[in-house]
N, C-alpha and C. Protein backbone atom coordinates (compact mmCIF):
# COMPACT_ATOMS: atom_id res chain seq x y z
N GLY A 1 259.83 -41.58 29.72
CA GLY A 1 260.28 -41.07 31.10
C GLY A 1 260.89 -42.32 31.90
N SER A 2 261.20 -42.01 33.10
CA SER A 2 261.89 -42.87 33.91
C SER A 2 260.84 -43.90 34.56
N VAL A 3 261.25 -44.87 35.34
CA VAL A 3 260.16 -45.75 36.06
C VAL A 3 259.52 -44.90 37.12
N ALA A 4 260.07 -43.87 37.66
CA ALA A 4 259.51 -43.06 38.65
C ALA A 4 258.49 -42.26 38.01
N ASP A 5 258.54 -41.89 36.84
CA ASP A 5 257.72 -41.11 36.06
C ASP A 5 256.33 -41.73 35.61
N GLN A 6 256.40 -43.05 35.69
CA GLN A 6 255.31 -43.90 35.12
C GLN A 6 253.93 -43.70 35.82
N GLY A 7 253.97 -43.34 37.03
CA GLY A 7 252.71 -43.09 37.69
C GLY A 7 252.11 -41.72 37.62
N LEU A 8 252.89 -40.84 36.91
CA LEU A 8 252.41 -39.51 36.75
C LEU A 8 251.64 -39.41 35.65
N PRO A 9 250.64 -38.37 35.61
CA PRO A 9 249.80 -37.97 34.59
C PRO A 9 250.77 -37.60 33.20
N HIS A 10 250.33 -37.74 31.99
CA HIS A 10 251.04 -37.53 30.86
C HIS A 10 251.53 -36.09 30.78
N CYS A 11 250.62 -35.20 31.21
CA CYS A 11 250.92 -33.68 30.96
C CYS A 11 252.08 -33.41 32.15
N VAL A 12 252.19 -33.96 33.18
CA VAL A 12 253.29 -33.92 34.04
C VAL A 12 254.55 -34.39 33.44
N GLN A 13 254.42 -35.66 32.95
CA GLN A 13 255.53 -36.30 32.17
C GLN A 13 256.18 -35.33 31.16
N ASP A 14 255.16 -34.80 30.40
CA ASP A 14 255.63 -33.90 29.39
C ASP A 14 256.40 -32.57 29.87
N LEU A 15 255.86 -32.15 30.95
CA LEU A 15 256.70 -31.02 31.67
C LEU A 15 258.01 -31.42 32.00
N LYS A 16 258.09 -32.68 32.67
CA LYS A 16 259.44 -33.25 33.12
C LYS A 16 260.24 -33.34 31.92
N ALA A 17 259.86 -33.75 30.85
CA ALA A 17 260.70 -34.18 29.75
C ALA A 17 261.17 -32.76 29.09
N GLY A 18 260.33 -31.73 29.14
CA GLY A 18 260.64 -30.44 28.47
C GLY A 18 261.53 -29.54 29.33
N GLY A 19 261.96 -29.81 30.57
CA GLY A 19 262.78 -28.93 31.08
C GLY A 19 263.34 -29.32 32.52
N GLY A 20 264.31 -28.56 32.95
CA GLY A 20 265.00 -28.73 34.23
C GLY A 20 266.20 -29.73 34.06
N GLY A 21 267.30 -29.22 34.12
CA GLY A 21 268.48 -29.91 34.20
C GLY A 21 268.96 -30.45 32.88
N ASP A 22 270.14 -30.97 32.86
CA ASP A 22 270.73 -31.59 31.73
C ASP A 22 270.24 -33.13 31.66
N GLU A 23 270.55 -33.55 30.39
CA GLU A 23 269.97 -35.04 30.08
C GLU A 23 270.84 -36.12 30.98
N ALA A 24 271.95 -35.72 31.39
CA ALA A 24 272.82 -36.64 32.03
C ALA A 24 272.26 -37.03 33.52
N GLY A 25 271.41 -36.22 34.01
CA GLY A 25 270.85 -36.53 35.39
C GLY A 25 270.05 -35.44 35.83
N GLY A 26 269.80 -34.35 35.31
CA GLY A 26 269.08 -33.31 35.82
C GLY A 26 269.74 -32.30 36.73
N VAL A 27 268.92 -31.52 37.41
CA VAL A 27 269.50 -30.60 38.35
C VAL A 27 269.89 -31.19 39.51
N ALA A 28 271.06 -30.77 40.02
CA ALA A 28 271.57 -31.33 41.28
C ALA A 28 270.62 -31.13 42.48
N ARG A 29 270.35 -32.28 43.08
CA ARG A 29 269.32 -32.38 44.16
C ARG A 29 269.68 -31.38 45.24
N PRO A 30 268.66 -30.62 45.87
CA PRO A 30 268.96 -29.79 46.83
C PRO A 30 269.10 -30.47 48.14
N GLY A 31 269.61 -29.76 49.17
CA GLY A 31 269.56 -30.54 50.50
C GLY A 31 270.92 -31.36 50.81
N ALA A 32 270.66 -32.57 51.03
CA ALA A 32 271.78 -33.55 51.42
C ALA A 32 272.89 -33.72 50.26
N GLY A 33 272.56 -33.53 49.00
CA GLY A 33 273.55 -33.84 47.87
C GLY A 33 273.75 -35.08 47.61
N ARG A 34 272.89 -36.02 47.74
CA ARG A 34 272.93 -37.41 47.48
C ARG A 34 272.30 -37.77 46.20
N GLY A 35 273.07 -37.62 45.09
CA GLY A 35 272.37 -37.80 43.79
C GLY A 35 271.77 -36.79 43.13
N LYS A 36 271.08 -36.87 41.90
CA LYS A 36 270.62 -35.96 41.11
C LYS A 36 269.13 -36.53 40.51
N PHE A 37 268.29 -35.54 40.23
CA PHE A 37 267.05 -35.83 39.60
C PHE A 37 266.54 -34.49 38.95
N LYS A 38 265.54 -34.81 38.01
CA LYS A 38 265.01 -33.70 37.17
C LYS A 38 263.98 -32.98 37.97
N ARG A 39 263.84 -31.86 37.78
CA ARG A 39 262.74 -31.00 38.38
C ARG A 39 261.62 -30.73 37.43
N ILE A 40 260.37 -30.45 37.91
CA ILE A 40 259.43 -30.12 37.05
C ILE A 40 259.53 -28.64 36.65
N LYS A 41 259.57 -28.36 35.37
CA LYS A 41 259.73 -26.88 35.00
C LYS A 41 258.56 -26.13 35.21
N GLY A 42 258.70 -24.86 35.77
CA GLY A 42 257.54 -23.88 35.75
C GLY A 42 256.55 -24.16 36.80
N ILE A 43 256.71 -24.83 37.81
CA ILE A 43 255.61 -24.98 38.78
C ILE A 43 255.94 -24.44 40.07
N ASN A 44 256.48 -23.14 40.01
CA ASN A 44 256.82 -22.53 41.24
C ASN A 44 255.62 -21.53 41.47
N LEU A 45 254.43 -21.79 40.76
CA LEU A 45 253.20 -20.81 40.77
C LEU A 45 252.77 -20.71 42.33
N ARG A 46 252.64 -21.70 43.05
CA ARG A 46 252.25 -21.76 44.45
C ARG A 46 253.19 -20.64 45.16
N GLN A 47 254.45 -20.85 45.12
CA GLN A 47 255.39 -20.10 45.79
C GLN A 47 255.32 -18.60 45.34
N GLN A 48 255.18 -18.38 44.06
CA GLN A 48 255.16 -16.99 43.50
C GLN A 48 253.84 -16.31 44.15
N ARG A 49 252.70 -17.09 44.22
CA ARG A 49 251.48 -16.47 44.71
C ARG A 49 251.64 -16.41 46.15
N VAL A 50 252.13 -17.26 46.87
CA VAL A 50 252.25 -17.06 48.38
C VAL A 50 253.21 -15.80 48.67
N SER A 51 254.25 -15.79 47.92
CA SER A 51 255.25 -14.71 48.21
C SER A 51 254.61 -13.37 47.79
N ALA A 52 253.90 -13.27 46.67
CA ALA A 52 253.41 -12.06 46.08
C ALA A 52 252.22 -11.50 47.02
N THR A 53 251.36 -12.45 47.52
CA THR A 53 250.23 -12.04 48.07
C THR A 53 250.07 -12.44 49.55
N ALA A 54 251.27 -12.94 50.16
CA ALA A 54 251.12 -13.34 51.39
C ALA A 54 250.05 -14.31 51.79
N GLY A 55 249.59 -15.04 50.72
CA GLY A 55 248.54 -16.06 50.87
C GLY A 55 247.13 -15.38 51.08
N VAL A 56 246.99 -14.13 50.89
CA VAL A 56 245.73 -13.36 51.09
C VAL A 56 245.01 -13.37 49.69
N GLY A 57 243.71 -13.46 49.86
CA GLY A 57 242.71 -13.41 48.76
C GLY A 57 242.68 -14.61 47.79
N SER A 58 241.88 -14.46 46.80
CA SER A 58 241.63 -15.70 45.99
C SER A 58 242.65 -15.62 44.81
N PRO A 59 243.10 -16.84 44.27
CA PRO A 59 243.97 -16.94 43.21
C PRO A 59 243.40 -16.27 42.02
N SER A 60 244.24 -15.78 41.29
CA SER A 60 243.78 -15.09 39.89
C SER A 60 243.33 -16.05 38.78
N LYS A 61 242.64 -15.72 37.84
CA LYS A 61 242.20 -16.53 36.81
C LYS A 61 243.52 -17.14 36.08
N ASP A 62 244.55 -16.36 35.93
CA ASP A 62 245.82 -17.08 35.26
C ASP A 62 246.46 -17.92 36.16
N GLU A 63 246.48 -17.76 37.63
CA GLU A 63 247.06 -18.79 38.35
C GLU A 63 246.08 -20.08 38.39
N ILE A 64 244.91 -19.97 38.42
CA ILE A 64 244.10 -21.25 38.32
C ILE A 64 244.23 -21.87 36.93
N GLN A 65 244.47 -21.12 35.82
CA GLN A 65 244.58 -21.77 34.48
C GLN A 65 245.94 -22.58 34.53
N GLN A 66 246.98 -22.05 35.08
CA GLN A 66 248.26 -22.57 35.29
C GLN A 66 248.24 -23.80 36.08
N MET A 67 247.64 -23.61 37.20
CA MET A 67 247.65 -24.79 38.02
C MET A 67 246.84 -25.99 37.49
N SER A 68 245.56 -25.56 36.82
CA SER A 68 244.69 -26.54 36.12
C SER A 68 245.51 -27.28 35.00
N ALA A 69 246.44 -26.52 34.19
CA ALA A 69 247.12 -27.12 33.26
C ALA A 69 248.02 -28.10 33.85
N TYR A 70 248.78 -27.77 34.95
CA TYR A 70 249.85 -28.71 35.63
C TYR A 70 249.14 -30.10 36.14
N LEU A 71 247.79 -29.78 36.69
CA LEU A 71 247.15 -30.93 37.20
C LEU A 71 246.39 -31.79 36.03
N CYS A 72 246.42 -31.33 34.74
CA CYS A 72 245.72 -31.83 33.76
C CYS A 72 244.14 -31.75 33.74
N ILE A 73 243.90 -30.46 34.17
CA ILE A 73 242.40 -30.12 34.14
C ILE A 73 242.20 -29.31 32.89
N ASP A 74 241.31 -29.58 32.00
CA ASP A 74 241.09 -28.76 30.79
C ASP A 74 239.80 -27.98 31.13
N LEU A 75 240.00 -26.66 31.51
CA LEU A 75 239.00 -25.79 31.98
C LEU A 75 237.93 -25.43 30.84
N LYS A 76 238.39 -25.85 29.55
CA LYS A 76 237.40 -25.59 28.44
C LYS A 76 236.19 -26.67 28.42
N THR A 77 236.31 -27.59 29.12
CA THR A 77 235.49 -28.79 29.14
C THR A 77 234.53 -28.76 30.23
N LYS A 78 233.36 -29.40 30.17
CA LYS A 78 232.32 -29.38 31.25
C LYS A 78 232.94 -30.10 32.59
N GLU A 79 233.63 -31.06 32.29
CA GLU A 79 234.32 -31.81 33.41
C GLU A 79 235.41 -30.83 34.07
N GLY A 80 236.12 -30.26 33.21
CA GLY A 80 237.11 -29.29 33.70
C GLY A 80 236.54 -28.29 34.65
N LYS A 81 235.51 -27.64 34.06
CA LYS A 81 234.91 -26.65 34.90
C LYS A 81 234.29 -27.14 36.33
N ALA A 82 233.80 -28.33 36.22
CA ALA A 82 233.33 -28.97 37.47
C ALA A 82 234.49 -29.23 38.42
N LEU A 83 235.65 -29.48 37.96
CA LEU A 83 236.84 -29.89 38.83
C LEU A 83 237.82 -28.74 39.06
N ARG A 84 237.41 -27.50 38.58
CA ARG A 84 238.22 -26.27 38.76
C ARG A 84 238.62 -26.09 40.28
N TRP A 85 237.76 -26.54 41.12
CA TRP A 85 238.01 -26.28 42.61
C TRP A 85 239.22 -26.99 42.99
N ILE A 86 239.56 -28.09 42.46
CA ILE A 86 240.89 -28.84 42.92
C ILE A 86 242.17 -28.01 42.75
N ALA A 87 242.16 -27.23 41.41
CA ALA A 87 243.29 -26.34 41.19
C ALA A 87 243.18 -25.24 42.16
N GLU A 88 242.03 -24.79 42.53
CA GLU A 88 242.08 -23.58 43.40
C GLU A 88 242.56 -24.10 44.85
N GLU A 89 242.22 -25.18 45.17
CA GLU A 89 242.59 -25.76 46.55
C GLU A 89 244.14 -26.12 46.51
N ALA A 90 244.70 -26.60 45.46
CA ALA A 90 246.04 -26.94 45.31
C ALA A 90 246.99 -25.66 45.36
N LEU A 91 246.44 -24.42 44.83
CA LEU A 91 247.21 -23.23 44.97
C LEU A 91 247.22 -22.81 46.43
N ALA A 92 246.16 -23.16 47.16
CA ALA A 92 246.18 -22.69 48.58
C ALA A 92 246.69 -23.76 49.54
N ALA A 93 247.12 -24.77 49.14
CA ALA A 93 247.58 -25.94 50.08
C ALA A 93 248.81 -25.59 50.85
N PRO A 94 248.63 -25.58 52.21
CA PRO A 94 249.80 -25.28 53.05
C PRO A 94 250.75 -26.59 53.16
N LEU A 95 252.01 -26.29 53.47
CA LEU A 95 252.96 -27.20 53.61
C LEU A 95 252.53 -28.27 54.85
N PRO A 96 252.76 -29.58 54.56
CA PRO A 96 252.40 -30.52 55.64
C PRO A 96 253.45 -30.26 56.73
N ALA A 97 253.22 -30.75 57.85
CA ALA A 97 254.04 -30.65 59.08
C ALA A 97 255.37 -31.44 58.64
N GLY A 98 256.50 -30.81 59.08
CA GLY A 98 257.82 -31.34 58.89
C GLY A 98 258.47 -30.84 57.57
N TRP A 99 257.67 -30.10 56.68
CA TRP A 99 258.17 -29.66 55.28
C TRP A 99 258.59 -28.21 55.51
N GLU A 100 259.77 -27.80 54.77
CA GLU A 100 260.14 -26.29 54.82
C GLU A 100 260.27 -25.94 53.34
N GLU A 101 259.98 -24.83 52.97
CA GLU A 101 260.27 -24.23 51.73
C GLU A 101 261.73 -23.65 51.65
N HIS A 102 262.50 -23.89 50.58
CA HIS A 102 263.75 -23.29 50.50
C HIS A 102 264.03 -22.79 49.06
N ARG A 103 265.14 -22.03 48.80
CA ARG A 103 265.25 -21.82 47.41
C ARG A 103 266.80 -22.06 47.14
N THR A 104 267.07 -22.40 45.80
CA THR A 104 268.48 -22.51 45.21
C THR A 104 269.05 -21.20 45.15
N ASP A 105 270.33 -21.21 44.85
CA ASP A 105 271.01 -20.05 44.63
C ASP A 105 270.45 -19.29 43.39
N ASP A 106 269.77 -20.07 42.55
CA ASP A 106 269.10 -19.43 41.38
C ASP A 106 267.78 -19.12 41.75
N GLY A 107 267.36 -19.17 42.91
CA GLY A 107 265.92 -18.69 43.19
C GLY A 107 264.76 -19.75 43.00
N VAL A 108 265.25 -21.03 42.62
CA VAL A 108 264.18 -22.11 42.38
C VAL A 108 263.90 -22.68 43.69
N CYS A 109 262.36 -22.79 43.80
CA CYS A 109 261.94 -23.28 45.09
C CYS A 109 262.01 -24.74 45.03
N TYR A 110 262.30 -25.31 46.33
CA TYR A 110 262.27 -26.75 46.46
C TYR A 110 261.79 -26.92 47.96
N TYR A 111 261.54 -28.25 48.42
CA TYR A 111 261.04 -28.51 49.70
C TYR A 111 261.83 -29.55 50.27
N HIS A 112 261.93 -29.28 51.63
CA HIS A 112 262.92 -30.11 52.46
C HIS A 112 262.09 -30.63 53.66
N HIS A 113 262.23 -31.91 53.97
CA HIS A 113 261.50 -32.64 55.05
C HIS A 113 262.55 -32.66 56.17
N THR A 114 262.24 -31.98 57.29
CA THR A 114 263.21 -31.88 58.23
C THR A 114 263.58 -33.19 58.96
N SER A 115 262.61 -34.13 59.05
CA SER A 115 262.95 -35.27 59.87
C SER A 115 263.63 -36.36 59.05
N THR A 116 263.25 -36.48 57.69
CA THR A 116 263.80 -37.47 56.82
C THR A 116 265.01 -37.01 56.16
N GLY A 117 265.22 -35.73 55.92
CA GLY A 117 266.29 -35.24 55.04
C GLY A 117 265.92 -35.29 53.60
N GLN A 118 264.68 -35.67 53.22
CA GLN A 118 264.50 -35.58 51.81
C GLN A 118 264.07 -34.22 51.27
N SER A 119 264.63 -33.97 49.99
CA SER A 119 264.42 -32.73 49.43
C SER A 119 263.79 -32.99 48.06
N ILE A 120 262.79 -32.27 47.70
CA ILE A 120 261.99 -32.59 46.46
C ILE A 120 261.57 -31.15 45.77
N TRP A 121 261.40 -31.23 44.48
CA TRP A 121 261.14 -30.03 43.72
C TRP A 121 259.69 -29.73 43.78
N GLU A 122 258.73 -30.77 43.79
CA GLU A 122 257.32 -30.60 43.69
C GLU A 122 256.82 -30.42 45.10
N HIS A 123 255.73 -29.55 45.23
CA HIS A 123 255.13 -29.30 46.53
C HIS A 123 254.69 -30.73 47.07
N PRO A 124 254.85 -30.99 48.37
CA PRO A 124 254.63 -32.20 48.93
C PRO A 124 253.17 -32.72 48.94
N MET A 125 252.21 -31.67 48.45
CA MET A 125 250.79 -32.08 48.54
C MET A 125 250.44 -32.40 47.04
N ASP A 126 251.34 -32.16 46.08
CA ASP A 126 250.99 -32.55 44.57
C ASP A 126 250.43 -33.85 44.38
N ALA A 127 251.07 -34.95 45.01
CA ALA A 127 250.77 -36.30 44.74
C ALA A 127 249.25 -36.41 45.22
N TYR A 128 248.95 -35.85 46.33
CA TYR A 128 247.45 -35.82 46.82
C TYR A 128 246.47 -35.30 45.92
N PHE A 129 246.88 -34.15 45.26
CA PHE A 129 245.97 -33.37 44.42
C PHE A 129 245.83 -34.18 43.06
N HIS A 130 246.75 -34.85 42.70
CA HIS A 130 246.69 -35.70 41.48
C HIS A 130 245.78 -37.01 41.82
N PHE A 131 246.09 -37.52 43.08
CA PHE A 131 245.10 -38.70 43.41
C PHE A 131 243.67 -38.19 43.60
N LEU A 132 243.52 -37.04 44.21
CA LEU A 132 242.09 -36.55 44.32
C LEU A 132 241.51 -36.32 42.97
N LEU A 133 242.17 -35.81 42.00
CA LEU A 133 241.61 -35.48 40.78
C LEU A 133 241.17 -36.90 40.06
N GLY A 134 242.14 -37.77 40.05
CA GLY A 134 241.81 -39.03 39.44
C GLY A 134 240.65 -39.70 39.96
N LYS A 135 240.56 -39.63 41.40
CA LYS A 135 239.34 -40.28 41.89
C LYS A 135 238.08 -39.62 41.73
N MET A 136 238.07 -38.24 41.71
CA MET A 136 236.99 -37.41 41.48
C MET A 136 236.52 -37.65 39.96
N ARG A 137 237.33 -37.89 39.05
CA ARG A 137 237.11 -38.15 37.65
C ARG A 137 236.19 -39.52 37.49
N LYS A 138 236.81 -40.41 38.32
CA LYS A 138 236.12 -41.82 38.33
C LYS A 138 234.80 -41.70 39.02
N MET A 139 234.63 -40.94 40.01
CA MET A 139 233.40 -40.91 40.79
C MET A 139 232.38 -40.00 39.81
N ARG A 140 232.89 -38.99 39.20
CA ARG A 140 231.81 -38.18 38.30
C ARG A 140 231.34 -39.17 37.11
N ARG A 141 232.19 -39.98 36.59
CA ARG A 141 231.80 -40.95 35.60
C ARG A 141 230.88 -41.95 36.17
N ALA A 142 231.11 -42.46 37.31
CA ALA A 142 230.08 -43.36 37.79
C ALA A 142 228.73 -42.85 38.14
N ASN A 143 228.70 -41.58 38.52
CA ASN A 143 227.61 -40.80 38.88
C ASN A 143 226.95 -40.15 37.73
N LYS A 144 227.46 -40.43 36.40
CA LYS A 144 226.96 -39.81 35.21
C LYS A 144 225.43 -39.96 35.14
N GLY A 145 224.69 -38.85 34.79
CA GLY A 145 223.36 -39.01 34.66
C GLY A 145 222.58 -38.47 35.95
N LEU A 146 223.18 -38.60 37.02
CA LEU A 146 222.53 -38.08 38.23
C LEU A 146 222.60 -36.59 38.32
N PRO A 147 221.42 -35.94 38.70
CA PRO A 147 221.42 -34.41 38.65
C PRO A 147 222.26 -33.82 39.67
N SER A 148 222.72 -34.68 40.67
CA SER A 148 223.42 -34.02 41.91
C SER A 148 224.84 -34.32 41.81
N ARG A 149 225.42 -34.83 40.75
CA ARG A 149 226.84 -35.53 40.71
C ARG A 149 227.75 -34.24 40.88
N ASP A 150 227.51 -33.05 40.59
CA ASP A 150 228.40 -31.88 40.83
C ASP A 150 227.90 -31.02 41.91
N SER A 151 226.97 -31.34 42.76
CA SER A 151 226.58 -30.56 43.82
C SER A 151 227.56 -30.66 44.91
N ILE A 152 227.60 -29.50 45.72
CA ILE A 152 228.49 -29.41 46.91
C ILE A 152 228.33 -30.44 47.70
N ALA A 153 227.15 -31.00 48.04
CA ALA A 153 226.91 -32.21 48.94
C ALA A 153 227.54 -33.45 48.39
N GLN A 154 227.38 -33.71 47.05
CA GLN A 154 228.02 -34.84 46.52
C GLN A 154 229.48 -34.84 46.42
N ARG A 155 229.92 -33.50 46.16
CA ARG A 155 231.51 -33.36 46.22
C ARG A 155 231.96 -33.70 47.56
N ALA A 156 231.28 -33.14 48.70
CA ALA A 156 231.73 -33.40 49.97
C ALA A 156 231.79 -34.97 50.26
N ARG A 157 230.70 -35.68 49.94
CA ARG A 157 230.76 -37.15 50.13
C ARG A 157 231.94 -37.76 49.37
N ASN A 158 232.04 -37.44 48.06
CA ASN A 158 233.14 -38.02 47.29
C ASN A 158 234.51 -37.75 47.91
N ARG A 159 234.74 -36.45 48.41
CA ARG A 159 235.94 -36.10 48.96
C ARG A 159 236.26 -36.81 50.28
N GLU A 160 235.26 -37.22 51.00
CA GLU A 160 235.31 -37.97 52.31
C GLU A 160 235.86 -39.48 51.94
N LEU A 161 235.30 -39.92 50.96
CA LEU A 161 235.66 -41.28 50.42
C LEU A 161 237.08 -41.29 49.95
N ILE A 162 237.45 -40.33 49.29
CA ILE A 162 238.69 -40.16 48.53
C ILE A 162 239.90 -39.93 49.69
N ASP A 163 239.60 -39.12 50.60
CA ASP A 163 240.46 -38.90 51.68
C ASP A 163 240.85 -40.24 52.35
N LEU A 164 239.73 -40.95 52.66
CA LEU A 164 239.88 -42.30 53.28
C LEU A 164 240.67 -43.17 52.40
N LEU A 165 240.42 -43.33 51.09
CA LEU A 165 241.35 -43.94 50.12
C LEU A 165 242.83 -43.64 50.32
N TRP A 166 242.90 -42.28 50.42
CA TRP A 166 244.30 -41.74 50.34
C TRP A 166 245.04 -42.17 51.70
N ALA A 167 244.42 -42.19 52.78
CA ALA A 167 244.93 -42.52 54.04
C ALA A 167 245.31 -44.00 54.05
N MET A 168 244.36 -44.85 53.48
CA MET A 168 244.75 -46.11 53.37
C MET A 168 245.83 -46.51 52.54
N GLU A 169 245.84 -45.79 51.45
CA GLU A 169 247.09 -46.04 50.37
C GLU A 169 248.41 -45.68 51.24
N ARG A 170 248.45 -44.60 51.96
CA ARG A 170 249.54 -44.13 52.75
C ARG A 170 249.98 -45.20 53.58
N GLU A 171 249.02 -45.73 54.30
CA GLU A 171 249.32 -46.65 55.42
C GLU A 171 249.76 -47.95 54.80
N GLN A 172 249.27 -48.33 53.65
CA GLN A 172 249.96 -49.52 52.98
C GLN A 172 251.31 -49.32 52.50
N ARG A 173 251.61 -48.15 51.96
CA ARG A 173 253.06 -47.74 51.59
C ARG A 173 253.91 -47.87 52.80
N GLN A 174 253.48 -47.30 53.98
CA GLN A 174 254.34 -47.19 55.13
C GLN A 174 254.66 -48.55 55.65
N GLU A 175 253.42 -49.50 55.68
CA GLU A 175 253.69 -50.86 56.19
C GLU A 175 254.67 -51.60 55.27
N ALA A 176 254.71 -51.36 53.91
CA ALA A 176 255.50 -51.94 53.06
C ALA A 176 257.00 -51.42 53.15
N GLY A 177 257.01 -50.22 53.88
CA GLY A 177 258.46 -49.54 53.97
C GLY A 177 258.79 -48.74 52.76
N GLY A 178 257.67 -48.37 52.01
CA GLY A 178 258.18 -47.54 50.73
C GLY A 178 257.34 -46.31 50.91
N GLY A 179 257.36 -45.45 52.02
CA GLY A 179 256.59 -44.31 52.02
C GLY A 179 256.45 -43.44 50.82
N GLY A 180 257.58 -43.14 50.23
CA GLY A 180 257.65 -42.44 48.88
C GLY A 180 257.12 -40.96 48.97
N GLU A 181 257.53 -40.23 47.82
CA GLU A 181 257.02 -39.00 47.84
C GLU A 181 255.53 -38.83 47.88
N GLY A 182 255.06 -37.69 48.72
CA GLY A 182 253.65 -37.49 48.71
C GLY A 182 253.00 -38.42 49.78
N ALA A 183 253.73 -39.30 50.53
CA ALA A 183 253.26 -40.17 51.40
C ALA A 183 253.66 -39.87 52.92
N HIS A 184 254.08 -38.52 53.14
CA HIS A 184 254.65 -38.11 54.52
C HIS A 184 253.63 -37.86 55.28
N GLU A 185 254.05 -37.74 56.62
CA GLU A 185 253.07 -37.39 57.66
C GLU A 185 252.56 -36.10 57.32
N GLY A 186 251.21 -36.06 57.60
CA GLY A 186 250.65 -34.51 57.37
C GLY A 186 250.05 -34.50 56.00
N THR A 187 250.50 -35.28 55.04
CA THR A 187 249.86 -35.06 53.70
C THR A 187 248.57 -35.65 53.60
């Protein structure tokens, strides 16, 4: 993968390698038209669900399985079952302030940030959910053997710490001038 792909989980890199665009540069970037990049194949699940159900009701088992696979959560494992809630939250994640959903002429969903002009294929909250998953895995391993490690109260405490780490990381990126994807206001 490219340098930009190096921070992504292997399963996402595999999705990127397997689809979307030609090898010369990928699918033409939506929006401003400055350059090209590859899109992740097959993760319009969120939009299909929101469009089909108008955001009402719980996600289906199939939707949760697809989002889990995208996030690299193996639902067949004990850990995967304990982290399934992250996939459910990711499916229901609203767009952050300043982001709009658009579709290409082919009906492929992409996201445009109105104030920066940036357009991306991945939901703006995907970076957060990958970050959340990675930190939750580390915290579960650190709490191994504790009877409360998967309790709702422990999850809430862990989530509070992770959200603080996410905010600190975003702040550091902004101070360094490299806000980057997933580090926008409202994410």
